[in-house]
């Protein structure tokens, strides 16, 4: 849902011609995706080496 909201904000800023806000929104979207991809990669790597995930889903 957060990704959809960020994309919607980007679209709104694009239509209004607010380039600076658009660039900030795109940067936030990229950082959000990077953060979640890093979490997924860490969990997958811990599962690959045989460490079970913790109850909160984080690797050891």
Protein backbone atom coordinates (compact mmCIF):
# COMPACT_ATOMS: atom_id res chain seq x y z
CA UNK A 1 0.00 0.00 0.00
CA UNK A 2 2.85 2.38 0.75
CA UNK A 3 4.32 1.81 -2.71
CA UNK A 4 0.98 2.66 -4.33
CA UNK A 5 0.75 5.81 -2.23
CA UNK A 6 4.25 6.90 -3.24
CA UNK A 7 3.54 6.23 -6.91
CA UNK A 8 0.31 8.22 -6.62
CA UNK A 9 2.23 11.14 -5.08
CA UNK A 10 4.80 10.95 -7.89
CA UNK A 11 2.03 11.08 -10.47
CA UNK A 12 0.41 14.08 -8.75
CA UNK A 13 3.68 15.99 -8.56
CA UNK A 14 4.41 15.14 -12.19
CA UNK A 15 1.03 16.51 -13.30
CA UNK A 16 1.44 19.66 -11.21
CA UNK A 17 4.94 20.27 -12.56
CA UNK A 18 6.56 20.08 -9.12
CA UNK A 19 9.89 18.60 -10.20
CA UNK A 20 11.70 18.92 -6.87
CA UNK A 21 8.93 17.14 -4.97
CA UNK A 22 8.79 14.52 -7.71
CA UNK A 23 12.52 13.83 -7.37
CA UNK A 24 12.20 13.52 -3.59
CA UNK A 25 9.27 11.10 -3.96
CA UNK A 26 11.19 8.98 -6.47
CA UNK A 27 14.20 8.90 -4.12
CA UNK A 28 11.98 7.83 -1.19
CA UNK A 29 10.37 5.13 -3.37
CA UNK A 30 13.78 3.78 -4.39
CA UNK A 31 15.01 3.72 -0.77
CA UNK A 32 11.79 1.99 0.36
CA UNK A 33 12.23 -0.72 -2.27
CA UNK A 34 15.95 -1.13 -1.47
CA UNK A 35 15.19 -1.53 2.24
CA UNK A 36 12.61 -4.24 1.65
CA UNK A 37 14.75 -6.05 -0.90
CA UNK A 38 17.64 -6.09 1.58
CA UNK A 39 15.36 -7.68 4.18
CA UNK A 40 14.23 -10.36 1.73
CA UNK A 41 17.81 -11.09 0.67
CA UNK A 42 18.98 -11.41 4.30
CA UNK A 43 16.17 -13.85 5.12
CA UNK A 44 16.85 -15.91 1.99
CA UNK A 45 20.59 -16.05 2.73
CA UNK A 46 20.01 -17.17 6.31
CA UNK A 47 17.62 -19.88 5.09
CA UNK A 48 20.17 -20.97 2.47
CA UNK A 49 22.87 -21.55 5.09
CA UNK A 50 20.45 -23.48 7.28
CA UNK A 51 19.63 -20.87 9.94
CA UNK A 52 15.93 -20.88 10.70
CA UNK A 53 14.29 -17.45 10.65
CA UNK A 54 13.49 -15.85 13.98
CA UNK A 55 9.88 -15.43 15.15
CA UNK A 56 9.93 -11.81 13.95
CA UNK A 57 11.07 -12.93 10.48
CA UNK A 58 14.57 -11.50 10.80
CA UNK A 59 17.66 -13.64 10.24
CA UNK A 60 20.02 -14.46 13.07
